[in-house]
Amino acid sequence: MRLDRRALLAGLSALPLSAAARAAPARAEAPTQGRLVEHPAMPSAHVQPRDITIWLPPGYDDDTSARWPVLYMHDGQNLFDAARAPYGAEWGVDEHVARLGGEGQIRAPIVVGIGNTPLRLREYIPANLIRALPDDMRADVQAIYGGESLSDGYVRFLVEELKPFIDSGYRTRPDRDDTVVMGSSMGGLISMYALMKHPDVFGAAGCVSTHWPIRIDQLTDPAALSAWRARLTEAWTDVVGADLPPPGGHRLYFDRGDESLDAVYAEFQSRIDATIRGAGWGPDRFRSLVFPGAEHNERSWNQRLDAPLTFLLPPA
């Protein structure tokens, strides 16, 4: 297992995308790769303004009667353009979706990239998980993330403001089964939370390299880290088991690597997986994968993006 401080913090400290001074026009990508539309500094009554980048798939402009599923993705500055990503690597979401859609392997979606802000950690840490912790652990976790959870406001932004904006301005399929939410690291946690909190809105959630909290200061003390994480695991597995919707109506995807920060997720992810399977989620609706050699970064997520996309957006 290789751990270094940059790897530990990658995915936790992504900086917000700089907003343009004015609304940007649609920006054409390669002819076969769809096009991007920018909505800089979108205002909200629930969270800070943030940049929204929408990718319209190939064919969107050709058939004005067609409607499309929607994939909402967190950390939007990391999805389409390496030049805008804080660590210089992107997911390549547009390339993956265009190829898989063209091959008939998925229902190609409109992709909505939701930019993060300096409050990212607090917006992405689920409030129900924080509430479930013992008092002393709650203080520890809130100290790690910089204060109380802001996730309820963030999810309200997604459901009450962003989704209506997208559904009214673009040709979407707005029903639950065609509305997917996905993210990596802390974005995996908030994707799971969005599904738990609004199972009527989101039909599927993709949780890539989901960041289950660790105490970086305890990494040199395995016994202390193990004891702390055991208490956290017990509290959080109970919440996940209680708050997930009943099996059969949704899709839920998890994965992780086994290098860098992903290496410390194994025990926790295994417990979460067992809890979900124990609640009756079968392999047609729940999947949790391990990618040997994969690290906690955008390059690794790019390399395995086909796996969540084909599971969450199977052909009709």
C-alpha atoms as a PDB file:
ATOM      1  CA  MET A   1       0.000   0.000   0.000  1.00  0.00           C
ATOM      2  CA  ARG A   2       1.434   3.373  -0.995  1.00  0.00           C
ATOM      3  CA  LEU A   3       0.188   6.373   0.943  1.00  0.00           C
ATOM      4  CA  ASP A   4       1.332   9.968   0.554  1.00  0.00           C
ATOM      5  CA  ARG A   5      -0.216  13.178   1.711  1.00  0.00           C
ATOM      6  CA  ARG A   6      -1.185  14.392  -1.751  1.00  0.00           C
ATOM      7  CA  ALA A   7      -2.970  11.118  -2.453  1.00  0.00           C
ATOM      8  CA  LEU A   8      -4.757  11.326   0.888  1.00  0.00           C
ATOM      9  CA  LEU A   9      -6.038  14.788   0.166  1.00  0.00           C
ATOM     10  CA  ALA A  10      -6.740  14.363  -3.547  1.00  0.00           C
ATOM     11  CA  GLY A  11     -10.472  14.363  -4.068  1.00  0.00           C
ATOM     12  CA  LEU A  12     -11.052  16.175  -0.761  1.00  0.00           C
ATOM     13  CA  SER A  13      -9.644  19.574  -1.579  1.00  0.00           C
ATOM     14  CA  ALA A  14     -10.596  20.229  -5.205  1.00  0.00           C
ATOM     15  CA  LEU A  15     -10.865  23.946  -5.798  1.00  0.00           C
ATOM     16  CA  PRO A  16     -13.971  25.526  -7.319  1.00  0.00           C
ATOM     17  CA  LEU A  17     -14.036  26.287 -10.994  1.00  0.00           C
ATOM     18  CA  SER A  18     -13.619  29.994 -11.697  1.00  0.00           C
ATOM     19  CA  ALA A  19     -16.865  31.548 -12.900  1.00  0.00           C
ATOM     20  CA  ALA A  20     -16.902  33.394 -16.181  1.00  0.00           C
ATOM     21  CA  ALA A  21     -17.743  37.060 -16.077  1.00  0.00           C
ATOM     22  CA  ARG A  22     -20.923  36.500 -18.038  1.00  0.00           C
ATOM     23  CA  ALA A  23     -23.073  33.666 -19.322  1.00  0.00           C
ATOM     24  CA  ALA A  24     -21.106  31.674 -21.854  1.00  0.00           C
ATOM     25  CA  PRO A  25     -22.596  30.516 -25.149  1.00  0.00           C
ATOM     26  CA  ALA A  26     -22.729  26.873 -26.126  1.00  0.00           C
ATOM     27  CA  ARG A  27     -19.197  25.661 -26.837  1.00  0.00           C
ATOM     28  CA  ALA A  28     -18.804  23.053 -29.554  1.00  0.00           C
ATOM     29  CA  GLU A  29     -16.620  20.004 -28.920  1.00  0.00           C
ATOM     30  CA  ALA A  30     -15.395  17.597 -31.584  1.00  0.00           C
ATOM     31  CA  PRO A  31     -18.268  16.935 -34.000  1.00  0.00           C
ATOM     32  CA  THR A  32     -18.886  13.403 -32.742  1.00  0.00           C
ATOM     33  CA  GLN A  33     -18.569  14.281 -29.071  1.00  0.00           C
ATOM     34  CA  GLY A  34     -21.625  16.452 -28.438  1.00  0.00           C
ATOM     35  CA  ARG A  35     -21.272  19.960 -27.065  1.00  0.00           C
ATOM     36  CA  LEU A  36     -20.910  21.829 -23.787  1.00  0.00           C
ATOM     37  CA  VAL A  37     -23.106  24.617 -22.441  1.00  0.00           C
ATOM     38  CA  GLU A  38     -21.854  26.737 -19.546  1.00  0.00           C
ATOM     39  CA  HIS A  39     -23.983  28.332 -16.832  1.00  0.00           C
ATOM     40  CA  PRO A  40     -21.488  30.246 -14.664  1.00  0.00           C
ATOM     41  CA  ALA A  41     -22.172  31.101 -11.021  1.00  0.00           C
ATOM     42  CA  MET A  42     -25.690  29.684 -10.861  1.00  0.00           C
ATOM     43  CA  PRO A  43     -27.435  31.277  -7.856  1.00  0.00           C
ATOM     44  CA  SER A  44     -29.258  29.328  -5.164  1.00  0.00           C
ATOM     45  CA  ALA A  45     -31.344  29.981  -2.073  1.00  0.00           C
ATOM     46  CA  HIS A  46     -29.705  27.017  -0.344  1.00  0.00           C
ATOM     47  CA  VAL A  47     -25.982  27.027  -1.203  1.00  0.00           C
ATOM     48  CA  GLN A  48     -23.292  29.287  -2.613  1.00  0.00           C
ATOM     49  CA  PRO A  49     -23.412  30.042  -6.363  1.00  0.00           C
ATOM     50  CA  ARG A  50     -21.517  27.548  -8.485  1.00  0.00           C
ATOM     51  CA  ASP A  51     -20.664  26.872 -12.105  1.00  0.00           C
ATOM     52  CA  ILE A  52     -22.783  24.364 -13.996  1.00  0.00           C
ATOM     53  CA  THR A  53     -21.455  22.704 -17.158  1.00  0.00           C
ATOM     54  CA  ILE A  54     -23.926  20.736 -19.266  1.00  0.00           C
ATOM     55  CA  TRP A  55     -22.812  18.247 -21.888  1.00  0.00           C
ATOM     56  CA  LEU A  56     -25.351  17.501 -24.615  1.00  0.00           C
ATOM     57  CA  PRO A  57     -24.719  14.118 -26.259  1.00  0.00           C
ATOM     58  CA  PRO A  58     -24.265  13.472 -29.977  1.00  0.00           C
ATOM     59  CA  GLY A  59     -27.639  13.574 -31.685  1.00  0.00           C
ATOM     60  CA  TYR A  60     -29.213  16.008 -29.242  1.00  0.00           C
ATOM     61  CA  ASP A  61     -29.285  18.795 -31.827  1.00  0.00           C
ATOM     62  CA  ASP A  62     -30.285  16.530 -34.724  1.00  0.00           C
ATOM     63  CA  ASP A  63     -33.602  15.182 -33.424  1.00  0.00           C
ATOM     64  CA  THR A  64     -35.549  17.926 -31.678  1.00  0.00           C
ATOM     65  CA  SER A  65     -38.259  15.487 -30.605  1.00  0.00           C
ATOM     66  CA  ALA A  66     -35.933  13.141 -28.713  1.00  0.00           C
ATOM     67  CA  ARG A  67     -35.643  13.255 -24.925  1.00  0.00           C
ATOM     68  CA  TRP A  68     -32.673  12.146 -22.874  1.00  0.00           C
ATOM     69  CA  PRO A  69     -31.843  10.721 -19.424  1.00  0.00           C
ATOM     70  CA  VAL A  70     -29.808  12.985 -17.147  1.00  0.00           C
ATOM     71  CA  LEU A  71     -26.638  12.159 -15.219  1.00  0.00           C
ATOM     72  CA  TYR A  72     -25.847  14.671 -12.446  1.00  0.00           C
ATOM     73  CA  MET A  73     -22.163  14.628 -11.443  1.00  0.00           C
ATOM     74  CA  HIS A  74     -20.373  16.421  -8.606  1.00  0.00           C
ATOM     75  CA  ASP A  75     -16.960  18.145  -8.863  1.00  0.00           C
ATOM     76  CA  GLY A  76     -17.969  19.311 -12.318  1.00  0.00           C
ATOM     77  CA  GLN A  77     -14.660  20.999 -13.118  1.00  0.00           C
ATOM     78  CA  ASN A  78     -12.988  17.549 -13.277  1.00  0.00           C
ATOM     79  CA  LEU A  79     -15.271  15.920 -15.835  1.00  0.00           C
ATOM     80  CA  PHE A  80     -14.617  17.249 -19.338  1.00  0.00           C
ATOM     81  CA  ASP A  81     -11.433  19.316 -19.619  1.00  0.00           C
ATOM     82  CA  ALA A  82      -8.058  18.541 -18.048  1.00  0.00           C
ATOM     83  CA  ALA A  83      -7.041  22.197 -18.359  1.00  0.00           C
ATOM     84  CA  ARG A  84      -9.768  23.163 -15.881  1.00  0.00           C
ATOM     85  CA  ALA A  85      -9.184  20.308 -13.430  1.00  0.00           C
ATOM     86  CA  PRO A  86      -7.140  21.195 -10.320  1.00  0.00           C
ATOM     87  CA  TYR A  87      -4.872  18.134 -10.667  1.00  0.00           C
ATOM     88  CA  GLY A  88      -4.536  18.276 -14.443  1.00  0.00           C
ATOM     89  CA  ALA A  89      -6.566  15.151 -15.218  1.00  0.00           C
ATOM     90  CA  GLU A  90     -10.207  14.692 -16.218  1.00  0.00           C
ATOM     91  CA  TRP A  91     -12.743  11.866 -16.179  1.00  0.00           C
ATOM     92  CA  GLY A  92     -13.312  12.098 -19.939  1.00  0.00           C
ATOM     93  CA  VAL A  93     -17.043  11.716 -19.344  1.00  0.00           C
ATOM     94  CA  ASP A  94     -18.014  13.066 -22.761  1.00  0.00           C
ATOM     95  CA  GLU A  95     -15.748  10.626 -24.613  1.00  0.00           C
ATOM     96  CA  HIS A  96     -16.939   7.641 -22.571  1.00  0.00           C
ATOM     97  CA  VAL A  97     -20.626   8.471 -22.909  1.00  0.00           C
ATOM     98  CA  ALA A  98     -20.384   9.243 -26.628  1.00  0.00           C
ATOM     99  CA  ARG A  99     -18.611   5.941 -27.314  1.00  0.00           C
ATOM    100  CA  LEU A 100     -20.830   3.770 -25.102  1.00  0.00           C
ATOM    101  CA  GLY A 101     -23.976   5.444 -26.398  1.00  0.00           C
ATOM    102  CA  GLY A 102     -22.846   5.054 -29.998  1.00  0.00           C
ATOM    103  CA  GLU A 103     -22.209   1.350 -29.405  1.00  0.00           C
ATOM    104  CA  GLY A 104     -25.624   0.883 -27.791  1.00  0.00           C
ATOM    105  CA  GLN A 105     -24.124  -0.115 -24.444  1.00  0.00           C
ATOM    106  CA  ILE A 106     -25.925   2.636 -22.485  1.00  0.00           C
ATOM    107  CA  ARG A 107     -28.794   5.080 -22.724  1.00  0.00           C
ATOM    108  CA  ALA A 108     -26.655   8.119 -23.498  1.00  0.00           C
ATOM    109  CA  PRO A 109     -27.526  10.899 -21.013  1.00  0.00           C
ATOM    110  CA  ILE A 110     -27.271  14.627 -20.816  1.00  0.00           C
ATOM    111  CA  VAL A 111     -24.469  15.135 -18.271  1.00  0.00           C
ATOM    112  CA  VAL A 112     -24.769  17.965 -15.737  1.00  0.00           C
ATOM    113  CA  GLY A 113     -21.437  18.827 -14.134  1.00  0.00           C
ATOM    114  CA  ILE A 114     -21.952  20.618 -10.810  1.00  0.00           C
ATOM    115  CA  GLY A 115     -18.949  22.707  -9.821  1.00  0.00           C
ATOM    116  CA  ASN A 116     -17.801  22.576  -6.226  1.00  0.00           C
ATOM    117  CA  THR A 117     -17.030  25.505  -3.893  1.00  0.00           C
ATOM    118  CA  PRO A 118     -14.663  26.115  -0.951  1.00  0.00           C
ATOM    119  CA  LEU A 119     -17.422  24.536   1.196  1.00  0.00           C
ATOM    120  CA  ARG A 120     -17.170  21.257  -0.733  1.00  0.00           C
ATOM    121  CA  LEU A 121     -16.329  19.056   2.247  1.00  0.00           C
ATOM    122  CA  ARG A 122     -19.229  20.311   4.331  1.00  0.00           C
ATOM    123  CA  GLU A 123     -21.646  20.149   1.397  1.00  0.00           C
ATOM    124  CA  TYR A 124     -20.687  16.572   0.547  1.00  0.00           C
ATOM    125  CA  ILE A 125     -20.612  14.985   4.033  1.00  0.00           C
ATOM    126  CA  PRO A 126     -24.119  13.534   4.639  1.00  0.00           C
ATOM    127  CA  ALA A 127     -25.962  15.001   7.586  1.00  0.00           C
ATOM    128  CA  ASN A 128     -27.591  11.707   8.552  1.00  0.00           C
ATOM    129  CA  LEU A 129     -24.180  10.064   8.933  1.00  0.00           C
ATOM    130  CA  ILE A 130     -22.947  12.909  11.120  1.00  0.00           C
ATOM    131  CA  ARG A 131     -26.052  12.757  13.328  1.00  0.00           C
ATOM    132  CA  ALA A 132     -25.547   9.027  13.898  1.00  0.00           C
ATOM    133  CA  LEU A 133     -22.092   9.415  15.457  1.00  0.00           C
ATOM    134  CA  PRO A 134     -21.378   9.497  19.199  1.00  0.00           C
ATOM    135  CA  ASP A 135     -20.753  13.015  20.452  1.00  0.00           C
ATOM    136  CA  ASP A 136     -16.956  12.760  20.608  1.00  0.00           C
ATOM    137  CA  MET A 137     -16.726  11.249  17.128  1.00  0.00           C
ATOM    138  CA  ARG A 138     -19.109  13.832  15.725  1.00  0.00           C
ATOM    139  CA  ALA A 139     -16.753  16.552  16.923  1.00  0.00           C
ATOM    140  CA  ASP A 140     -13.792  14.746  15.328  1.00  0.00           C
ATOM    141  CA  VAL A 141     -15.493  14.330  11.961  1.00  0.00           C
ATOM    142  CA  GLN A 142     -16.803  17.895  11.879  1.00  0.00           C
ATOM    143  CA  ALA A 143     -13.291  19.112  12.653  1.00  0.00           C
ATOM    144  CA  ILE A 144     -11.972  17.100   9.688  1.00  0.00           C
ATOM    145  CA  TYR A 145     -14.520  18.689   7.363  1.00  0.00           C
ATOM    146  CA  GLY A 146     -14.477  22.206   8.756  1.00  0.00           C
ATOM    147  CA  GLY A 147     -17.860  22.459  10.492  1.00  0.00           C
ATOM    148  CA  GLU A 148     -21.400  21.157  10.486  1.00  0.00           C
ATOM    149  CA  SER A 149     -22.742  19.352   7.446  1.00  0.00           C
ATOM    150  CA  LEU A 150     -24.289  21.491   4.709  1.00  0.00           C
ATOM    151  CA  SER A 151     -25.486  18.486   2.726  1.00  0.00           C
ATOM    152  CA  ASP A 152     -29.203  19.087   3.199  1.00  0.00           C
ATOM    153  CA  GLY A 153     -28.923  22.504   1.569  1.00  0.00           C
ATOM    154  CA  TYR A 154     -26.829  21.066  -1.252  1.00  0.00           C
ATOM    155  CA  VAL A 155     -29.343  18.306  -1.966  1.00  0.00           C
ATOM    156  CA  ARG A 156     -32.180  20.836  -1.857  1.00  0.00           C
ATOM    157  CA  PHE A 157     -30.283  22.801  -4.499  1.00  0.00           C
ATOM    158  CA  LEU A 158     -30.085  19.683  -6.676  1.00  0.00           C
ATOM    159  CA  VAL A 159     -33.732  18.708  -6.285  1.00  0.00           C
ATOM    160  CA  GLU A 160     -35.560  22.021  -5.938  1.00  0.00           C
ATOM    161  CA  GLU A 161     -33.480  24.324  -8.150  1.00  0.00           C
ATOM    162  CA  LEU A 162     -31.033  22.578 -10.478  1.00  0.00           C
ATOM    163  CA  LYS A 163     -33.202  19.693 -11.675  1.00  0.00           C
ATOM    164  CA  PRO A 164     -36.203  21.941 -12.481  1.00  0.00           C
ATOM    165  CA  PHE A 165     -33.839  24.287 -14.340  1.00  0.00           C
ATOM    166  CA  ILE A 166     -32.433  21.419 -16.407  1.00  0.00           C
ATOM    167  CA  ASP A 167     -35.824  19.836 -17.066  1.00  0.00           C
ATOM    168  CA  SER A 168     -37.334  23.130 -18.205  1.00  0.00           C
ATOM    169  CA  GLY A 169     -34.409  24.212 -20.380  1.00  0.00           C
ATOM    170  CA  TYR A 170     -33.361  20.941 -22.003  1.00  0.00           C
ATOM    171  CA  ARG A 171     -35.159  17.962 -23.527  1.00  0.00           C
ATOM    172  CA  THR A 172     -34.888  15.542 -20.625  1.00  0.00           C
ATOM    173  CA  ARG A 173     -36.632  12.435 -19.426  1.00  0.00           C
ATOM    174  CA  PRO A 174     -37.415  13.802 -15.953  1.00  0.00           C
ATOM    175  CA  ASP A 175     -38.738  10.644 -14.330  1.00  0.00           C
ATOM    176  CA  ARG A 176     -36.898   8.839 -11.549  1.00  0.00           C
ATOM    177  CA  ASP A 177     -35.618   5.928 -13.627  1.00  0.00           C
ATOM    178  CA  ASP A 178     -33.862   8.312 -16.024  1.00  0.00           C
ATOM    179  CA  THR A 179     -32.285  10.510 -13.332  1.00  0.00           C
ATOM    180  CA  VAL A 180     -28.864   9.377 -12.075  1.00  0.00           C
ATOM    181  CA  VAL A 181     -26.427  10.986  -9.633  1.00  0.00           C
ATOM    182  CA  MET A 182     -22.720  10.128  -9.426  1.00  0.00           C
ATOM    183  CA  GLY A 183     -19.464  11.310  -7.920  1.00  0.00           C
ATOM    184  CA  SER A 184     -16.113  10.207  -6.557  1.00  0.00           C
ATOM    185  CA  SER A 185     -14.539  10.379  -3.111  1.00  0.00           C
ATOM    186  CA  MET A 186     -16.753  12.715  -1.069  1.00  0.00           C
ATOM    187  CA  GLY A 187     -18.891  12.950  -4.206  1.00  0.00           C
ATOM    188  CA  GLY A 188     -19.637   9.262  -3.707  1.00  0.00           C
ATOM    189  CA  LEU A 189     -20.978   9.939  -0.231  1.00  0.00           C
ATOM    190  CA  ILE A 190     -23.265  12.759  -1.335  1.00  0.00           C
ATOM    191  CA  SER A 191     -24.521  10.655  -4.267  1.00  0.00           C
ATOM    192  CA  MET A 192     -25.544   7.906  -1.859  1.00  0.00           C
ATOM    193  CA  TYR A 193     -27.176  10.508   0.388  1.00  0.00           C
ATOM    194  CA  ALA A 194     -29.138  12.047  -2.482  1.00  0.00           C
ATOM    195  CA  LEU A 195     -30.554   8.623  -3.324  1.00  0.00           C
ATOM    196  CA  MET A 196     -31.416   7.923   0.310  1.00  0.00           C
ATOM    197  CA  LYS A 197     -33.015  11.305   0.865  1.00  0.00           C
ATOM    198  CA  HIS A 198     -34.889  11.541  -2.455  1.00  0.00           C
ATOM    199  CA  PRO A 199     -35.548   8.034  -3.795  1.00  0.00           C
ATOM    200  CA  ASP A 200     -38.527   9.488  -5.654  1.00  0.00           C
ATOM    201  CA  VAL A 201     -36.198  11.758  -7.668  1.00  0.00           C
ATOM    202  CA  PHE A 202     -33.044   9.674  -8.227  1.00  0.00           C
ATOM    203  CA  GLY A 203     -33.310   6.200  -9.681  1.00  0.00           C
ATOM    204  CA  ALA A 204     -29.618   5.349  -9.463  1.00  0.00           C
ATOM    205  CA  ALA A 205     -26.442   6.474  -7.697  1.00  0.00           C
ATOM    206  CA  GLY A 206     -22.807   5.886  -8.610  1.00  0.00           C
ATOM    207  CA  CYS A 207     -20.326   6.069  -5.730  1.00  0.00           C
ATOM    208  CA  VAL A 208     -16.758   5.872  -7.054  1.00  0.00           C
ATOM    209  CA  SER A 209     -13.861   5.521  -4.571  1.00  0.00           C
ATOM    210  CA  THR A 210     -16.288   6.571  -1.855  1.00  0.00           C
ATOM    211  CA  HIS A 211     -14.459   8.403   0.905  1.00  0.00           C
ATOM    212  CA  TRP A 212     -15.281   6.880   4.268  1.00  0.00           C
ATOM    213  CA  PRO A 213     -13.664   9.277   6.793  1.00  0.00           C
ATOM    214  CA  ILE A 214     -10.258   8.560   8.240  1.00  0.00           C
ATOM    215  CA  ARG A 215      -8.123  10.352  10.781  1.00  0.00           C
ATOM    216  CA  ILE A 216      -5.015  11.302   8.831  1.00  0.00           C
ATOM    217  CA  ASP A 217      -3.224  12.078  12.106  1.00  0.00           C
ATOM    218  CA  GLN A 218      -3.740   8.438  13.222  1.00  0.00           C
ATOM    219  CA  LEU A 219      -2.342   6.740  10.127  1.00  0.00           C
ATOM    220  CA  THR A 220       0.923   6.112  12.006  1.00  0.00           C
ATOM    221  CA  ASP A 221      -0.984   4.493  14.901  1.00  0.00           C
ATOM    222  CA  PRO A 222      -2.804   1.485  13.416  1.00  0.00           C
ATOM    223  CA  ALA A 223      -4.436   0.477  16.711  1.00  0.00           C
ATOM    224  CA  ALA A 224      -5.922   3.931  17.313  1.00  0.00           C
ATOM    225  CA  LEU A 225      -7.098   4.202  13.704  1.00  0.00           C
ATOM    226  CA  SER A 226      -8.677   0.743  13.824  1.00  0.00           C
ATOM    227  CA  ALA A 227     -10.592   1.489  17.025  1.00  0.00           C
ATOM    228  CA  TRP A 228     -11.822   4.856  15.755  1.00  0.00           C
ATOM    229  CA  ARG A 229     -12.936   3.444  12.437  1.00  0.00           C
ATOM    230  CA  ALA A 230     -14.657   0.459  14.049  1.00  0.00           C
ATOM    231  CA  ARG A 231     -16.939   2.795  15.997  1.00  0.00           C
ATOM    232  CA  LEU A 232     -17.616   4.895  12.922  1.00  0.00           C
ATOM    233  CA  THR A 233     -18.315   1.817  10.803  1.00  0.00           C
ATOM    234  CA  GLU A 234     -20.845   0.465  13.279  1.00  0.00           C
ATOM    235  CA  ALA A 235     -22.743   3.761  13.385  1.00  0.00           C
ATOM    236  CA  TRP A 236     -22.736   4.350   9.641  1.00  0.00           C
ATOM    237  CA  THR A 237     -23.637   0.845   8.498  1.00  0.00           C
ATOM    238  CA  ASP A 238     -26.755   1.100  10.647  1.00  0.00           C
ATOM    239  CA  VAL A 239     -27.709   4.368   8.938  1.00  0.00           C
ATOM    240  CA  VAL A 240     -27.134   3.022   5.444  1.00  0.00           C
ATOM    241  CA  GLY A 241     -29.186  -0.073   6.203  1.00  0.00           C
ATOM    242  CA  ALA A 242     -32.056   1.993   7.586  1.00  0.00           C
ATOM    243  CA  ASP A 243     -32.134   4.856   5.068  1.00  0.00           C
ATOM    244  CA  LEU A 244     -31.641   3.178   1.699  1.00  0.00           C
ATOM    245  CA  PRO A 245     -34.856   2.636  -0.259  1.00  0.00           C
ATOM    246  CA  PRO A 246     -36.268  -0.910  -0.473  1.00  0.00           C
ATOM    247  CA  PRO A 247     -34.541  -3.151  -3.021  1.00  0.00           C
ATOM    248  CA  GLY A 248     -35.861  -3.573  -6.523  1.00  0.00           C
ATOM    249  CA  GLY A 249     -36.588  -0.035  -7.659  1.00  0.00           C
ATOM    250  CA  HIS A 250     -33.158   1.612  -7.790  1.00  0.00           C
ATOM    251  CA  ARG A 251     -29.579   0.941  -8.848  1.00  0.00           C
ATOM    252  CA  LEU A 252     -26.580   1.497  -6.588  1.00  0.00           C
ATOM    253  CA  TYR A 253     -22.940   1.230  -7.635  1.00  0.00           C
ATOM    254  CA  PHE A 254     -19.777   1.358  -5.491  1.00  0.00           C
ATOM    255  CA  ASP A 255     -16.160   0.759  -6.396  1.00  0.00           C
ATOM    256  CA  ARG A 256     -12.664   1.343  -5.084  1.00  0.00           C
ATOM    257  CA  GLY A 257      -9.044   0.761  -5.975  1.00  0.00           C
ATOM    258  CA  ASP A 258      -6.440  -0.742  -3.665  1.00  0.00           C
ATOM    259  CA  GLU A 259      -3.680   1.868  -3.857  1.00  0.00           C
ATOM    260  CA  SER A 260      -3.165   5.332  -2.276  1.00  0.00           C
ATOM    261  CA  LEU A 261      -6.199   6.566  -0.320  1.00  0.00           C
ATOM    262  CA  ASP A 262      -8.447   3.843  -1.733  1.00  0.00           C
ATOM    263  CA  ALA A 263      -6.383   1.219   0.094  1.00  0.00           C
ATOM    264  CA  VAL A 264      -7.818   2.226   3.482  1.00  0.00           C
ATOM    265  CA  TYR A 265     -11.451   1.793   2.390  1.00  0.00           C
ATOM    266  CA  ALA A 266     -11.517  -2.006   2.170  1.00  0.00           C
ATOM    267  CA  GLU A 267     -12.862  -2.891   5.611  1.00  0.00           C
ATOM    268  CA  PHE A 268     -15.474  -0.158   5.656  1.00  0.00           C
ATOM    269  CA  GLN A 269     -16.666  -0.785   2.104  1.00  0.00           C
ATOM    270  CA  SER A 270     -16.958  -4.501   2.823  1.00  0.00           C
ATOM    271  CA  ARG A 271     -19.218  -3.791   5.788  1.00  0.00           C
ATOM    272  CA  ILE A 272     -21.373  -1.416   3.755  1.00  0.00           C
ATOM    273  CA  ASP A 273     -21.617  -3.989   0.958  1.00  0.00           C
ATOM    274  CA  ALA A 274     -22.726  -6.694   3.376  1.00  0.00           C
ATOM    275  CA  THR A 275     -25.341  -4.367   4.869  1.00  0.00           C
ATOM    276  CA  ILE A 276     -26.818  -3.546   1.459  1.00  0.00           C
ATOM    277  CA  ARG A 277     -26.858  -7.164   0.300  1.00  0.00           C
ATOM    278  CA  GLY A 278     -28.365  -8.171   3.627  1.00  0.00           C
ATOM    279  CA  ALA A 279     -31.207  -5.736   2.963  1.00  0.00           C
ATOM    280  CA  GLY A 280     -32.096  -7.708  -0.157  1.00  0.00           C
ATOM    281  CA  TRP A 281     -30.290  -5.788  -2.918  1.00  0.00           C
ATOM    282  CA  GLY A 282     -29.339  -8.347  -5.580  1.00  0.00           C
ATOM    283  CA  PRO A 283     -26.595  -8.173  -8.232  1.00  0.00           C
ATOM    284  CA  ASP A 284     -28.990  -6.788 -10.824  1.00  0.00           C
ATOM    285  CA  ARG A 285     -29.484  -3.670  -8.687  1.00  0.00           C
ATOM    286  CA  PHE A 286     -26.339  -3.440  -6.523  1.00  0.00           C
ATOM    287  CA  ARG A 287     -22.728  -3.707  -7.579  1.00  0.00           C
ATOM    288  CA  SER A 288     -19.494  -3.133  -5.654  1.00  0.00           C
ATOM    289  CA  LEU A 289     -16.218  -3.629  -7.518  1.00  0.00           C
ATOM    290  CA  VAL A 290     -12.510  -3.567  -6.665  1.00  0.00           C
ATOM    291  CA  PHE A 291      -9.965  -2.475  -9.280  1.00  0.00           C
ATOM    292  CA  PRO A 292      -6.462  -3.780  -8.374  1.00  0.00           C
ATOM    293  CA  GLY A 293      -3.757  -1.179  -8.842  1.00  0.00           C
ATOM    294  CA  ALA A 294      -6.213   1.733  -9.085  1.00  0.00           C
ATOM    295  CA  GLU A 295      -5.497   4.888  -7.090  1.00  0.00           C
ATOM    296  CA  HIS A 296      -7.617   7.733  -5.743  1.00  0.00           C
ATOM    297  CA  ASN A 297      -7.480  10.142  -8.653  1.00  0.00           C
ATOM    298  CA  GLU A 298      -9.173  11.249 -11.861  1.00  0.00           C
ATOM    299  CA  ARG A 299      -6.917   9.166 -14.087  1.00  0.00           C
ATOM    300  CA  SER A 300      -8.041   5.994 -12.328  1.00  0.00           C
ATOM    301  CA  TRP A 301     -11.694   7.030 -12.466  1.00  0.00           C
ATOM    302  CA  ASN A 302     -11.369   7.765 -16.173  1.00  0.00           C
ATOM    303  CA  GLN A 303      -9.890   4.320 -16.806  1.00  0.00           C
ATOM    304  CA  ARG A 304     -12.834   2.491 -15.218  1.00  0.00           C
ATOM    305  CA  LEU A 305     -15.725   4.841 -16.004  1.00  0.00           C
ATOM    306  CA  ASP A 306     -17.347   2.312 -18.348  1.00  0.00           C
ATOM    307  CA  ALA A 307     -18.184   0.118 -15.349  1.00  0.00           C
ATOM    308  CA  PRO A 308     -20.516   2.526 -13.522  1.00  0.00           C
ATOM    309  CA  LEU A 309     -21.987   3.956 -16.724  1.00  0.00           C
ATOM    310  CA  THR A 310     -23.014   0.590 -18.145  1.00  0.00           C
ATOM    311  CA  PHE A 311     -24.515  -0.480 -14.822  1.00  0.00           C
ATOM    312  CA  LEU A 312     -26.380   2.747 -14.032  1.00  0.00           C
ATOM    313  CA  LEU A 313     -27.639   3.510 -17.549  1.00  0.00           C
ATOM    314  CA  PRO A 314     -28.280   0.150 -19.242  1.00  0.00           C
ATOM    315  CA  PRO A 315     -29.920   0.149 -22.669  1.00  0.00           C
ATOM    316  CA  ALA A 316     -33.716   0.316 -22.618  1.00  0.00           C
END
